[in-house]
Amino acid sequence: MNKSSENISQEINSFFNESPSLNQKAWGMINQFYHIILTYMDENNISQSDLAKRMGKSRSAVSQLFSKTPNITIKKMVEIADAIGINLEISSPDVTNENKITESEHPAAKKYITRKPKNLIKLNSAVSS
């Protein structure tokens, strides 16, 4: 059964107009993370073998991080980024500097608030289309 071009057009428009699911947002952030890491490694001539040495892991363990369907934790993301010399920051376009919690407003924030490092990359919560 062939669908009319109008029905197909409506389905396409509906698909692109829907808000991304939690799973799609998570995969978007993971994809963005790997894009940033692999781009930085390529630009700085860091091989997967170099990364394995820096992380104290086997080359096959690092290779698995890049070749299998990733189920990666934020802790592992930070470990990889630290190994190649960059820092990660999660930000949201919905939170401005004026709205961020400060140390004085929330004492528990002290251990999480740090100065901005020089090699900073951001993982934004917005999924690009």
Protein backbone atom coordinates (compact mmCIF):
# COMPACT_ATOMS: atom_id res chain seq x y z
CA MET A 1 0.00 0.00 0.00
CA ASN A 2 1.48 3.30 -1.11
CA LYS A 3 1.11 6.33 1.05
CA SER A 4 0.29 9.60 -0.57
CA SER A 5 3.00 12.20 -0.63
CA GLU A 6 0.82 14.38 1.63
CA ASN A 7 0.69 11.65 4.31
CA ILE A 8 4.43 11.09 4.07
CA SER A 9 5.04 14.82 4.36
CA GLN A 10 2.80 14.99 7.46
CA GLU A 11 4.67 12.06 9.05
CA ILE A 12 8.03 13.70 8.37
CA ASN A 13 6.87 17.03 9.77
CA SER A 14 5.41 15.31 12.82
CA PHE A 15 8.68 13.44 13.41
CA PHE A 16 10.79 16.62 13.31
CA ASN A 17 8.33 18.69 15.35
CA GLU A 18 8.17 16.24 18.27
CA SER A 19 10.30 16.93 21.33
CA PRO A 20 13.15 14.44 21.72
CA SER A 21 12.64 11.61 24.20
CA LEU A 22 14.88 11.14 27.24
CA ASN A 23 16.68 8.38 25.38
CA GLN A 24 17.24 10.60 22.34
CA LYS A 25 18.57 13.41 24.54
CA ALA A 26 20.97 11.02 26.31
CA TRP A 27 22.22 9.58 23.02
CA GLY A 28 22.63 13.12 21.67
CA MET A 29 24.87 14.02 24.61
CA ILE A 30 26.88 10.79 24.25
CA ASN A 31 27.26 11.45 20.52
CA GLN A 32 28.37 15.02 21.23
CA PHE A 33 30.88 13.75 23.82
CA TYR A 34 32.45 11.27 21.38
CA HIS A 35 32.53 13.87 18.61
CA ILE A 36 34.39 16.30 20.89
CA ILE A 37 36.83 13.66 22.16
CA LEU A 38 37.58 12.15 18.75
CA THR A 39 37.97 15.60 17.16
CA TYR A 40 40.35 16.74 19.91
CA MET A 41 42.34 13.50 19.67
CA ASP A 42 42.60 13.84 15.88
CA GLU A 43 43.63 17.52 16.05
CA ASN A 44 46.28 16.73 18.68
CA ASN A 45 47.56 13.47 17.16
CA ILE A 46 46.46 11.37 20.15
CA SER A 47 45.90 7.76 19.14
CA GLN A 48 43.74 5.23 20.94
CA SER A 49 46.99 3.57 22.03
CA ASP A 50 48.16 6.87 23.53
CA LEU A 51 44.82 7.24 25.30
CA ALA A 52 45.06 3.69 26.66
CA LYS A 53 48.51 4.44 28.10
CA ARG A 54 47.31 7.69 29.65
CA MET A 55 44.31 5.96 31.22
CA GLY A 56 46.30 2.92 32.37
CA LYS A 57 44.00 0.66 30.34
CA SER A 58 44.59 -1.91 27.64
CA ARG A 59 44.26 -0.81 24.05
CA SER A 60 41.38 -3.27 23.58
CA ALA A 61 39.50 -1.74 26.56
CA VAL A 62 39.80 1.72 25.02
CA SER A 63 38.91 0.38 21.58
CA GLN A 64 35.70 -1.06 23.04
CA LEU A 65 34.78 2.38 24.37
CA PHE A 66 34.86 3.71 20.82
CA SER A 67 33.55 0.78 18.79
CA LYS A 68 30.65 -0.76 20.70
CA THR A 69 27.31 0.74 21.52
CA PRO A 70 28.36 3.04 24.34
CA ASN A 71 26.88 2.72 27.78
CA ILE A 72 29.19 5.28 29.27
CA THR A 73 28.98 6.96 32.66
CA ILE A 74 29.77 10.59 33.32
CA LYS A 75 32.65 9.39 35.47
CA LYS A 76 34.11 7.51 32.49
CA MET A 77 33.58 10.58 30.28
CA VAL A 78 35.57 12.69 32.75
CA GLU A 79 38.29 10.01 32.95
CA ILE A 80 38.69 10.00 29.16
CA ALA A 81 38.67 13.80 28.95
CA ASP A 82 41.22 14.10 31.76
CA ALA A 83 43.47 11.59 30.03
CA ILE A 84 43.68 13.73 26.89
CA GLY A 85 43.92 17.00 28.81
CA ILE A 86 40.51 18.59 28.43
CA ASN A 87 37.78 19.32 30.96
CA LEU A 88 34.07 18.77 30.57
CA GLU A 89 31.26 21.03 31.66
CA ILE A 90 27.56 20.34 31.46
CA SER A 91 25.48 23.42 30.78
CA SER A 92 21.92 24.22 29.89
CA PRO A 93 20.63 27.06 27.75
CA ASP A 94 17.80 27.32 30.32
CA VAL A 95 20.12 28.29 33.20
CA THR A 96 21.88 31.63 33.02
CA ASN A 97 24.77 32.79 35.18
CA GLU A 98 22.31 34.90 37.15
CA ASN A 99 20.30 31.77 38.05
CA LYS A 100 23.19 29.51 39.06
CA ILE A 101 23.43 28.48 42.70
CA THR A 102 26.44 29.94 44.46
CA GLU A 103 28.48 28.65 47.38
CA SER A 104 26.97 31.21 49.72
CA GLU A 105 23.42 30.23 48.74
CA HIS A 106 23.97 26.51 49.11
CA PRO A 107 26.86 25.20 51.25
CA ALA A 108 26.85 21.78 49.54
CA ALA A 109 27.61 23.52 46.24
CA LYS A 110 31.12 24.34 47.49
CA LYS A 111 32.54 20.94 46.54
CA TYR A 112 31.06 21.18 43.03
CA ILE A 113 31.89 24.78 42.15
CA THR A 114 35.35 25.08 40.61
CA ARG A 115 37.21 27.63 38.54
CA LYS A 116 37.01 27.31 34.78
CA PRO A 117 39.93 25.35 33.32
CA LYS A 118 41.71 26.46 30.16
CA ASN A 119 40.82 23.44 27.98
CA LEU A 120 37.08 23.53 28.63
CA ILE A 121 34.48 21.81 26.48
CA LYS A 122 30.77 21.95 27.13
CA LEU A 123 28.13 19.29 26.73
CA ASN A 124 24.90 21.19 26.24
CA SER A 125 21.58 19.72 27.25
CA ALA A 126 19.97 20.85 24.00
CA VAL A 127 19.86 18.20 21.30
CA SER A 128 20.75 19.68 17.97
CA SER A 129 18.56 18.85 15.04
